[in-house]
Protein backbone atom coordinates (compact mmCIF):
# COMPACT_ATOMS: atom_id res chain seq x y z
CA MET A 1 17.85 -15.10 20.57
CA SER A 2 15.27 -12.39 21.20
CA ASN A 3 12.60 -13.23 23.79
CA TYR A 4 9.07 -12.79 22.44
CA LYS A 5 5.83 -14.72 22.12
CA LEU A 6 4.28 -15.70 18.80
CA TYR A 7 0.53 -15.41 18.34
CA GLU A 8 -1.40 -18.49 17.21
CA HIS A 9 -1.97 -17.07 13.73
CA GLN A 10 1.76 -16.35 13.40
CA ILE A 11 2.66 -19.95 14.27
CA GLU A 12 0.14 -21.11 11.66
CA GLY A 13 1.61 -18.73 9.09
CA ILE A 14 5.17 -19.94 9.74
CA ASN A 15 4.10 -23.57 9.36
CA ARG A 16 2.28 -22.74 6.13
CA GLY A 17 5.33 -20.94 4.77
CA ARG A 18 7.58 -23.88 5.55
CA GLN A 19 5.33 -26.12 3.43
CA GLY A 20 5.99 -24.13 0.25
CA ASN A 21 5.33 -20.96 -1.68
CA CYS A 22 2.28 -18.97 -0.62
CA ALA A 23 0.66 -15.57 -0.51
CA LEU A 24 0.25 -14.13 2.98
CA PHE A 25 -2.77 -11.87 2.58
CA TRP A 26 -2.69 -10.58 6.13
CA ASP A 27 -4.15 -7.35 7.45
CA CYS A 28 -1.59 -4.73 8.35
CA GLY A 29 -0.56 -4.77 11.98
CA VAL A 30 -0.89 -8.51 12.67
CA GLY A 31 2.85 -9.29 12.48
CA LYS A 32 3.53 -10.67 9.01
CA THR A 33 7.09 -9.28 8.89
CA LEU A 34 8.01 -11.44 11.89
CA VAL A 35 6.46 -14.48 10.19
CA ALA A 36 8.42 -13.80 7.01
CA LEU A 37 11.65 -13.58 9.03
CA HIS A 38 10.95 -17.02 10.52
CA ILE A 39 10.28 -18.44 7.06
CA ILE A 40 13.57 -16.97 5.84
CA LYS A 41 15.38 -18.44 8.85
CA HIS A 42 13.88 -21.87 8.09
CA TRP A 43 15.19 -21.96 4.51
CA ILE A 44 18.60 -20.60 5.49
CA ALA A 45 18.89 -23.38 8.08
CA LYS A 46 18.09 -25.83 5.28
CA GLY A 47 21.09 -24.51 3.35
CA GLU A 48 18.95 -22.86 0.67
CA GLY A 49 21.01 -19.68 0.44
CA PRO A 50 20.33 -16.06 1.44
CA ALA A 51 17.01 -14.22 1.10
CA LEU A 52 16.05 -11.21 -0.99
CA VAL A 53 13.32 -8.94 0.37
CA VAL A 54 11.77 -6.40 -2.00
CA CYS A 55 9.63 -3.73 -0.36
CA PRO A 56 8.82 0.01 -0.44
CA LEU A 57 11.75 2.24 0.47
CA SER A 58 9.79 3.66 3.40
CA ILE A 59 9.87 0.37 5.35
CA ILE A 60 13.40 -0.92 4.74
CA ASP A 61 14.71 0.54 7.98
CA ALA A 62 11.48 1.19 9.89
CA ALA A 63 10.15 -2.36 9.47
CA TRP A 64 12.62 -4.90 8.08
CA ILE A 65 15.94 -3.78 9.56
CA GLN A 66 14.46 -2.93 12.96
CA ASP A 67 12.31 -6.08 13.20
CA SER A 68 15.16 -8.35 12.15
CA CYS A 69 17.49 -6.81 14.73
CA ARG A 70 14.78 -7.19 17.36
CA PHE A 71 13.34 -10.63 16.56
CA THR A 72 16.05 -12.49 14.61
CA PRO A 73 19.37 -10.93 15.65
CA GLU A 74 21.13 -14.16 14.64
CA LEU A 75 20.45 -13.25 11.01
CA SER A 76 22.66 -10.70 9.28
CA ILE A 77 20.64 -8.15 7.31
CA VAL A 78 21.66 -5.31 4.99
CA SER A 79 19.86 -2.59 3.05
CA LEU A 80 20.76 -2.35 -0.62
CA HIS A 81 19.39 1.15 -0.94
CA ASP A 82 21.87 3.96 -1.45
CA LYS A 83 22.16 6.91 -3.82
CA ILE A 84 25.64 5.77 -4.86
CA SER A 85 25.62 2.74 -7.15
CA LEU A 86 29.06 1.56 -5.99
CA VAL A 87 27.78 1.40 -2.41
CA ARG A 88 24.80 -0.69 -3.48
CA GLU A 89 27.06 -3.08 -5.38
CA LYS A 90 29.49 -3.33 -2.46
CA ARG A 91 26.72 -4.24 -0.02
CA LEU A 92 25.36 -6.88 -2.36
CA ALA A 93 28.84 -8.41 -2.68
CA GLU A 94 29.10 -8.77 1.10
CA LYS A 95 27.97 -11.95 2.85
CA HIS A 96 24.64 -11.59 4.64
CA ASP A 97 21.56 -13.66 5.34
CA ILE A 98 19.00 -11.08 4.18
CA TYR A 99 19.35 -8.39 1.52
CA VAL A 100 16.58 -5.77 1.45
CA ALA A 101 15.95 -3.76 -1.72
CA ASN A 102 13.31 -1.21 -2.66
CA TYR A 103 11.61 -1.55 -6.02
CA GLU A 104 13.84 0.91 -7.87
CA THR A 105 16.99 -0.75 -6.54
CA LEU A 106 15.62 -4.06 -7.80
CA LYS A 107 15.71 -2.71 -11.34
CA SER A 108 19.13 -1.06 -11.10
CA LEU A 109 20.80 -4.12 -9.54
CA TYR A 110 18.84 -6.74 -11.45
CA PRO A 111 21.74 -8.58 -13.20
CA ALA A 112 23.76 -8.77 -9.98
CA LEU A 113 20.72 -9.87 -7.97
CA ALA A 114 19.99 -12.61 -10.50
CA ALA A 115 23.56 -13.89 -10.13
CA LYS A 116 23.58 -13.84 -6.31
CA GLY A 117 22.02 -17.28 -5.76
CA PHE A 118 19.08 -16.35 -3.55
CA GLY A 119 17.06 -19.20 -2.10
CA THR A 120 14.10 -17.13 -0.86
CA LEU A 121 12.26 -14.11 -2.26
CA ILE A 122 9.84 -12.04 -0.17
CA VAL A 123 7.78 -9.36 -1.92
CA ASP A 124 6.34 -7.10 0.77
CA GLU A 125 3.37 -4.83 -0.04
CA SER A 126 2.99 -6.98 -3.14
CA SER A 127 0.04 -5.00 -4.51
CA LYS A 128 2.85 -2.95 -6.06
CA MET A 129 2.83 -5.76 -8.65
CA LYS A 130 -0.77 -5.10 -9.70
CA ASN A 131 0.19 -3.68 -13.10
CA PRO A 132 1.52 -6.50 -15.33
CA LYS A 133 2.98 -3.95 -17.75
CA SER A 134 5.27 -2.33 -15.19
CA GLN A 135 9.00 -3.01 -15.27
CA ILE A 136 8.95 -3.81 -11.55
CA THR A 137 6.32 -6.54 -12.01
CA ARG A 138 8.18 -8.04 -14.95
CA ALA A 139 11.49 -8.03 -13.10
CA LEU A 140 9.94 -9.78 -10.11
CA LEU A 141 8.06 -12.36 -12.19
CA SER A 142 11.26 -13.29 -14.02
CA PHE A 143 12.46 -14.73 -10.68
CA ALA A 144 9.40 -17.02 -10.80
CA GLY A 145 10.29 -18.19 -14.31
CA ILE A 146 7.73 -15.99 -16.10
CA GLU A 147 9.17 -13.77 -18.82
CA PHE A 148 7.68 -11.27 -21.24
CA ARG A 149 8.49 -10.49 -24.83
CA LYS A 150 10.68 -7.40 -25.24
CA SER A 151 11.39 -7.39 -21.51
CA PRO A 152 15.02 -6.77 -20.46
CA TYR A 153 14.54 -9.10 -17.47
CA LYS A 154 15.44 -12.51 -18.89
CA ALA A 155 18.00 -13.85 -16.45
CA GLY A 156 16.71 -17.42 -16.57
CA VAL A 157 17.22 -17.63 -12.79
CA VAL A 158 14.32 -18.90 -10.67
CA ILE A 159 14.33 -18.28 -6.92
CA PRO A 160 12.72 -21.46 -5.50
CA HIS A 161 11.01 -20.20 -2.33
CA ARG A 162 8.74 -17.25 -3.07
CA TYR A 163 6.21 -15.37 -0.92
CA VAL A 164 4.08 -12.27 -1.38
CA LEU A 165 2.79 -10.21 1.57
CA SER A 166 -0.13 -7.80 1.40
CA GLY A 167 -3.08 -6.65 3.44
CA THR A 168 -4.81 -5.26 0.33
CA PRO A 169 -3.74 -7.52 -2.55
CA ALA A 170 -6.33 -6.26 -5.05
CA PRO A 171 -7.54 -2.83 -3.90
CA ASN A 172 -9.18 -1.87 -7.20
CA ASN A 173 -10.29 -5.01 -9.03
CA GLU A 174 -9.85 -8.78 -9.15
CA GLY A 175 -7.35 -8.62 -12.01
CA GLU A 176 -4.73 -7.28 -9.64
CA HIS A 177 -4.37 -10.77 -8.17
CA TRP A 178 -2.80 -12.13 -11.36
CA ALA A 179 0.87 -11.11 -10.99
CA GLN A 180 0.98 -11.87 -7.26
CA ILE A 181 -0.44 -15.35 -7.77
CA LYS A 182 1.88 -16.05 -10.71
CA MET A 183 4.78 -15.08 -8.47
CA ILE A 184 3.78 -17.97 -6.22
CA THR A 185 2.80 -20.60 -8.79
CA GLY A 186 5.33 -19.87 -11.52
CA PRO A 187 4.50 -20.92 -15.11
CA GLY A 188 2.19 -23.73 -16.13
CA ASN A 189 -0.94 -22.78 -14.21
CA GLU A 190 -3.66 -22.91 -16.85
CA CYS A 191 -6.52 -21.51 -14.77
CA LEU A 192 -4.87 -18.13 -14.30
CA HIS A 193 -2.85 -18.45 -17.52
CA ASP A 194 0.80 -17.48 -17.91
CA ASN A 195 -0.35 -14.73 -20.28
CA PHE A 196 -2.13 -11.83 -18.56
CA TYR A 197 -4.22 -10.96 -21.60
CA ALA A 198 -5.57 -14.51 -21.83
CA PHE A 199 -6.41 -14.31 -18.13
CA ARG A 200 -8.15 -10.94 -18.64
CA SER A 201 -10.11 -12.26 -21.62
CA MET A 202 -11.43 -15.12 -19.52
CA PHE A 203 -12.42 -13.12 -16.45
CA PHE A 204 -13.26 -9.62 -17.77
CA GLN A 205 -15.53 -8.03 -20.37
CA THR A 206 -14.64 -4.90 -22.36
CA ILE A 207 -16.76 -1.75 -22.04
CA PRO A 208 -16.11 1.25 -24.40
CA LEU A 209 -16.01 4.71 -22.81
CA GLY A 210 -18.33 6.66 -25.06
CA LEU A 211 -16.60 8.26 -28.04
CA THR A 212 -13.26 8.68 -26.29
CA GLY A 213 -11.67 5.66 -27.94
CA GLN A 214 -10.82 4.29 -24.52
CA LYS A 215 -12.24 1.29 -22.70
CA ILE A 216 -12.50 -0.26 -19.29
CA PHE A 217 -12.52 -3.90 -18.19
CA LYS A 218 -15.30 -5.12 -15.92
CA PHE A 219 -15.09 -8.42 -14.04
CA ARG A 220 -17.54 -10.94 -15.50
CA THR A 221 -20.60 -11.73 -13.41
CA GLY A 222 -20.40 -15.18 -11.88
CA MET A 223 -16.63 -15.59 -12.29
CA GLN A 224 -15.55 -14.52 -8.82
CA GLU A 225 -15.85 -17.96 -7.24
CA VAL A 226 -13.93 -19.50 -10.14
CA LEU A 227 -11.04 -17.11 -9.56
CA LEU A 228 -11.03 -17.31 -5.78
CA ASP A 229 -11.34 -21.11 -5.71
CA ALA A 230 -8.27 -21.25 -7.95
CA ILE A 231 -6.08 -19.10 -5.73
CA ALA A 232 -7.36 -20.21 -2.30
CA PRO A 233 -4.99 -23.20 -1.90
CA ILE A 234 -1.91 -20.98 -2.13
CA THR A 235 -3.18 -18.10 -0.01
CA HIS A 236 -3.18 -17.70 3.76
CA VAL A 237 -5.55 -15.01 4.99
CA VAL A 238 -5.53 -13.38 8.42
CA ARG A 239 -8.06 -10.71 9.33
CA LYS A 240 -7.18 -8.43 12.19
CA GLN A 241 -10.51 -8.83 13.95
CA ASP A 242 -10.09 -12.61 13.97
CA ALA A 243 -6.46 -12.77 15.09
CA LEU A 244 -6.11 -10.00 17.63
CA ASP A 245 -8.10 -8.59 20.50
CA LEU A 246 -7.52 -4.97 19.51
CA PRO A 247 -9.50 -1.97 20.75
CA GLU A 248 -12.33 -0.69 18.56
CA GLN A 249 -11.96 1.68 15.62
CA VAL A 250 -14.18 4.77 15.52
CA HIS A 251 -14.83 6.69 12.27
CA GLN A 252 -16.29 10.20 12.41
CA ILE A 253 -17.13 12.62 9.61
CA ARG A 254 -16.59 16.32 10.23
CA ASN A 255 -18.63 18.35 7.75
CA VAL A 256 -16.89 21.45 6.43
CA VAL A 257 -18.99 24.35 5.18
CA LEU A 258 -17.08 26.24 2.51
CA SER A 259 -17.01 30.04 2.57
CA GLY A 260 -18.74 32.08 -0.14
CA PRO A 261 -15.60 32.60 -2.26
CA GLU A 262 -14.57 28.94 -1.88
CA LEU A 263 -18.00 27.64 -2.88
CA LYS A 264 -18.26 29.99 -5.85
CA ALA A 265 -14.83 28.92 -7.16
CA TYR A 266 -15.75 25.26 -6.69
CA GLU A 267 -19.15 25.52 -8.39
CA THR A 268 -17.68 27.39 -11.36
CA MET A 269 -15.01 24.74 -11.89
CA GLU A 270 -17.52 21.90 -11.44
CA LYS A 271 -20.04 23.40 -13.90
CA ASP A 272 -17.38 23.84 -16.57
CA LEU A 273 -16.18 20.25 -16.14
CA VAL A 274 -19.74 18.84 -16.34
CA LEU A 275 -20.46 20.76 -19.55
CA ARG A 276 -17.28 19.52 -21.23
CA LEU A 277 -17.94 15.93 -20.18
CA LYS A 278 -21.48 16.12 -21.61
CA ASP A 279 -20.09 17.35 -24.92
CA GLU A 280 -17.38 14.64 -24.75
CA THR A 281 -14.76 17.27 -25.52
CA ILE A 282 -12.54 16.06 -22.70
CA LEU A 283 -10.81 12.69 -22.45
CA SER A 284 -11.10 10.63 -19.29
CA THR A 285 -7.40 11.09 -18.53
CA ASN A 286 -7.79 14.86 -18.67
CA ALA A 287 -10.96 14.64 -16.61
CA LEU A 288 -8.91 13.19 -13.75
CA VAL A 289 -6.73 16.29 -13.82
CA GLU A 290 -9.81 18.50 -13.65
CA VAL A 291 -11.25 16.45 -10.80
CA MET A 292 -7.97 16.91 -8.94
CA LYS A 293 -8.57 20.67 -9.13
CA LEU A 294 -11.95 20.15 -7.48
CA ARG A 295 -10.21 18.23 -4.71
CA GLN A 296 -7.77 21.11 -4.24
CA LEU A 297 -10.59 23.67 -4.02
CA THR A 298 -12.22 21.77 -1.14
CA SER A 299 -8.97 22.42 0.78
CA GLY A 300 -9.08 26.13 -0.06
CA PHE A 301 -6.53 26.45 -2.86
CA ILE A 302 -5.87 25.65 -6.50
CA TYR A 303 -2.65 25.10 -8.44
CA GLY A 304 -2.02 27.22 -11.53
CA GLU A 305 0.89 29.29 -12.71
CA ASP A 306 1.00 30.25 -9.05
CA THR A 307 -0.76 28.60 -6.13
CA HIS A 308 -3.94 30.57 -5.47
CA ARG A 309 -5.57 30.38 -2.04
CA VAL A 310 -9.31 30.98 -1.98
CA GLY A 311 -10.10 30.30 1.68
CA ARG A 312 -9.36 28.35 4.85
CA SER A 313 -12.63 26.73 5.91
CA LYS A 314 -11.18 23.22 6.11
CA LEU A 315 -8.10 24.51 7.91
CA ASN A 316 -10.30 26.28 10.48
CA GLU A 317 -12.28 23.06 11.02
CA LEU A 318 -9.03 21.18 11.61
CA VAL A 319 -7.85 23.69 14.20
CA ASP A 320 -11.17 23.41 16.06
CA LEU A 321 -10.97 19.62 15.94
CA LEU A 322 -7.41 19.54 17.29
CA ASP A 323 -8.48 21.80 20.14
CA ALA A 324 -11.21 19.28 20.97
CA ILE A 325 -8.77 16.34 20.83
CA GLY A 326 -6.60 18.18 23.32
CA ASP A 327 -3.11 17.24 24.46
CA ASN A 328 -2.77 14.10 22.35
CA GLN A 329 -0.61 13.15 19.42
CA VAL A 330 -2.39 13.15 16.04
CA ILE A 331 -1.48 12.01 12.53
CA ILE A 332 -2.87 14.35 9.87
CA TRP A 333 -3.05 12.80 6.38
CA ALA A 334 -2.79 15.20 3.43
CA ASN A 335 -2.25 14.63 -0.29
CA PHE A 336 -1.04 17.92 -1.74
CA LYS A 337 2.18 19.85 -1.21
CA GLU A 338 0.25 23.06 -0.55
CA GLU A 339 -1.78 21.34 2.17
CA ILE A 340 1.32 20.02 3.92
CA GLN A 341 3.13 23.37 3.79
CA SER A 342 0.05 25.21 5.08
CA LEU A 343 -0.38 22.73 7.93
CA LEU A 344 3.27 23.05 8.96
CA LYS A 345 2.83 26.83 9.17
CA GLU A 346 -0.47 26.55 11.05
CA LEU A 347 0.72 23.95 13.58
CA PRO A 348 4.04 24.90 15.24
CA ASP A 349 4.35 21.62 17.16
CA SER A 350 4.46 19.55 13.97
CA GLN A 351 6.74 17.81 11.50
CA ALA A 352 5.98 16.19 8.15
CA LEU A 353 6.64 12.92 6.40
CA TRP A 354 6.65 13.64 2.69
CA SER A 355 9.04 14.06 -0.24
CA GLY A 356 10.44 17.23 1.33
CA CYS A 357 11.45 15.50 4.57
CA ALA A 358 15.18 15.91 5.29
CA ASP A 359 15.58 12.87 7.57
CA ARG A 360 12.61 10.58 7.33
CA ASP A 361 13.74 7.94 9.82
CA GLN A 362 14.59 10.56 12.45
CA THR A 363 11.15 12.15 12.03
CA VAL A 364 9.55 8.74 12.64
CA ARG A 365 11.67 8.13 15.75
CA ASP A 366 10.93 11.60 17.15
CA PHE A 367 7.18 11.21 16.71
CA VAL A 368 7.19 7.78 18.36
CA ALA A 369 9.21 9.28 21.23
CA GLY A 370 6.62 12.03 21.66
CA LYS A 371 8.93 14.90 20.76
CA PHE A 372 6.22 16.70 18.78
CA ARG A 373 2.43 16.51 18.74
CA TYR A 374 1.32 16.51 15.12
CA LEU A 375 2.70 14.33 12.34
CA ILE A 376 1.59 15.62 8.93
CA ALA A 377 1.93 12.73 6.53
CA ASN A 378 1.48 12.07 2.83
CA PRO A 379 0.02 8.57 2.25
CA GLN A 380 2.56 7.92 -0.51
CA SER A 381 5.40 8.47 1.97
CA ALA A 382 4.07 7.06 5.22
CA ALA A 383 1.12 4.71 4.67
CA HIS A 384 3.20 1.52 4.45
CA GLY A 385 4.91 -0.43 7.19
CA LEU A 386 5.29 2.16 9.94
CA THR A 387 4.10 1.63 13.52
CA PHE A 388 2.63 4.55 15.46
CA THR A 389 0.87 2.86 18.36
CA ASN A 390 1.96 5.85 20.47
CA CYS A 391 -0.88 7.68 18.73
CA ARG A 392 -4.62 6.91 18.63
CA TYR A 393 -6.04 9.78 16.57
CA ALA A 394 -5.82 10.38 12.83
CA VAL A 395 -7.35 13.14 10.73
CA TYR A 396 -7.86 12.93 6.97
CA PHE A 397 -7.48 16.50 5.78
CA SER A 398 -7.96 15.19 2.24
CA LEU A 399 -8.53 11.83 0.55
CA ASN A 400 -7.27 10.25 -2.65
CA TYR A 401 -8.91 7.41 -4.59
CA SER A 402 -6.71 4.61 -3.24
CA TYR A 403 -8.46 2.25 -0.83
CA GLU A 404 -5.09 0.56 -0.32
CA MET A 405 -3.56 3.81 0.93
CA LEU A 406 -6.54 4.51 3.16
CA LYS A 407 -6.45 1.04 4.74
CA GLN A 408 -2.67 1.13 5.15
CA SER A 409 -2.77 4.57 6.76
CA GLN A 410 -5.47 3.50 9.23
CA ASP A 411 -3.40 0.51 10.25
CA ARG A 412 -0.42 2.66 11.24
CA ILE A 413 -2.11 3.18 14.63
CA HIS A 414 -4.48 0.18 14.84
CA ARG A 415 -2.09 -2.78 15.09
CA ILE A 416 -0.24 -5.03 17.55
CA GLY A 417 0.75 -2.90 20.54
CA GLN A 418 -2.22 -0.49 20.46
CA LYS A 419 -3.91 -0.35 23.89
CA TYR A 420 -6.58 2.27 23.21
CA SER A 421 -9.45 2.71 20.79
CA THR A 422 -8.41 4.51 17.62
CA THR A 423 -10.41 7.36 16.12
CA TYR A 424 -10.33 8.57 12.51
CA TYR A 425 -11.79 11.92 11.50
CA TYR A 426 -12.64 12.77 7.89
CA LEU A 427 -12.91 16.44 6.93
CA LEU A 428 -15.45 16.46 4.10
CA ALA A 429 -16.57 19.69 2.44
CA ASN A 430 -20.36 19.76 1.98
CA LYS A 431 -21.81 19.61 -1.56
CA THR A 432 -18.44 18.76 -3.13
CA ILE A 433 -16.50 15.78 -4.41
CA ASP A 434 -15.21 14.96 -0.89
CA PRO A 435 -18.23 12.84 0.16
CA VAL A 436 -18.23 11.17 -3.28
CA ILE A 437 -14.63 10.00 -2.81
CA TYR A 438 -15.41 8.85 0.74
CA ARG A 439 -18.34 6.72 -0.48
CA ALA A 440 -16.25 5.29 -3.32
CA LEU A 441 -13.54 4.25 -0.88
CA ASN A 442 -16.09 2.52 1.34
CA GLY A 443 -17.34 0.63 -1.72
CA LYS A 444 -13.83 -0.60 -2.49
CA ALA A 445 -13.46 -1.62 1.15
CA SER A 446 -16.57 -3.81 0.89
CA LEU A 447 -15.28 -5.53 -2.25
CA SER A 448 -11.83 -6.14 -0.77
CA GLN A 449 -13.20 -7.46 2.53
CA ALA A 450 -15.61 -9.80 0.77
CA THR A 451 -12.80 -11.23 -1.34
CA LEU A 452 -10.53 -11.91 1.62
CA ALA A 453 -13.40 -13.37 3.64
CA TYR A 454 -14.11 -15.82 0.83
CA LEU A 455 -10.46 -16.87 0.61
CA LYS A 456 -10.37 -17.41 4.34
CA ASN A 457 -13.70 -19.18 4.85
CA GLY A 458 -15.09 -20.12 1.44
CA LYS A 459 -14.80 -23.18 -0.73
CA VAL A 460 -11.31 -24.37 -1.55
CA GLY A 461 -10.88 -25.92 -4.96
CA LYS A 462 -7.93 -27.13 -7.00
CA ILE A 463 -5.65 -24.92 -9.00
CA ALA A 464 -6.25 -26.03 -12.58
C-alpha cells in the first residue's frame, strides 16, 4: 500500500462516490484521479467487477497509469490504446482491475467492452460528452441505458456505478450539462428529459442568424436555477481556492505592437471580412475560417497555398519576455503548426508537445526532469491531465476560443505540489482580434465559475 495523506475534500469525495453515482465537478489539480481510484477500489472490493476508465489519450499514461501505480499499486491496470487492433483485443481479454481507454478506442472496441462485465465506469474530462450528436457521447450513454435512434450503440448493457469527472463541465453553455448528467441518472429523469431536444426546448430559445438560414440557441432567462437545482443532488463540486492552500496566480498582458507590413495585412483582411459580413454574403461557418486568418496574422503569418510570413513582432516580444523571466522553465502555449515550428527554431533549448511529437511521454518526463527549458505546447495535445509543478511560468503566444482549454492549460502548473506563485503572460497584438478573444474567454470564465459556485453553495432541490 502506498503511503500518502488524503486531503479533507478527497475523503469527502470518496465517501460521496461510495454512496452512488455522481458527477465530480472538481477543479483541475485538486486530486480527483486519486479519488476515482479509491471509488473503483471500493466497488471491486464489493465484488462488482472491474472498472472501465474513458479519458483523453494524452492522460492514459501520464495520469491514470502513473497515479494508479503510485497510489493504488494493489490494483492491476492496463491501457487499451494501441495502433494494432489485435493488441487492444488481447489486453481487454486479460484479467485486470482497471482498463483505460481513450475515446476512439471506446468506439473501436465497443462490442467487446459491452460484453466485459464492467461494474464501474469513470468518464474523465467528461466535457468531451457535451455534443449529444457525437458517436462518443452516444456510445457512453448507452452504458447508462440511454439509446438513440439509428445509433449503432445498442448493447443493452448498463454499467451500474457511473461517474463523470470534469473541472469545466459546461465551458460554453448550460446545455452541455445534459449528457454528463444523463450518464449519472440514466433514463427516467423527467426534469432533464431523456430526449435532448425536449430538454433544449424547455431550457433554450431559438434565435435566427440573419438571412443565413442558421440559428443559435440561447438559454432562457430565469431557467438557470431550475436547471442547477435539478442537478445539484448528484454533483459534488470542489473549487481549488476552497480546498487547497495554493500560491497565488498572476495574470499579465504583454501588448504587442505589430510592424507596418503586419498591420497593413491585418487591416486589409479585416476590412474585407467586415464588408462581406455586412452584405451577408458569407456564412457564419465560413466567417470562422476568415477569423482564423486574422488570428494567424497577429502571430506574423498566414496560411495559403504556401505559408506566408509577414513579420515577427509577437516573436520578438516573446524573446524579450523570456529574457526577463531568466533561467526558469516556461510553458509556451501555441495553436498553429507554423507557430510551433517557428518557436522550435527560435528557441534551441526547447521541445514541443503537439501532433508532430515523436515520443510524447518521454517529452513530458524530460521537461519535468528539467532537461530543457521551454516546453512549446498545443492545448489540444497537452492541456488535459498533465502535471508540471516543476514550472511556474506560462506564456500564451496565441489563444483559441475554448475556455475549457485555457482553464485546463493554466492548471497544468497551478495544482497540488506547486510551491510558488504561478504567472501567466498573454501576448496580445494591439488593435486586433487578440484582445477580443481574451475578453470573450474571461466572460466564459465568469459564467462557468458562477455555475459551479451555485452548485456548491446554492439551493439544493429534488431531481424531478
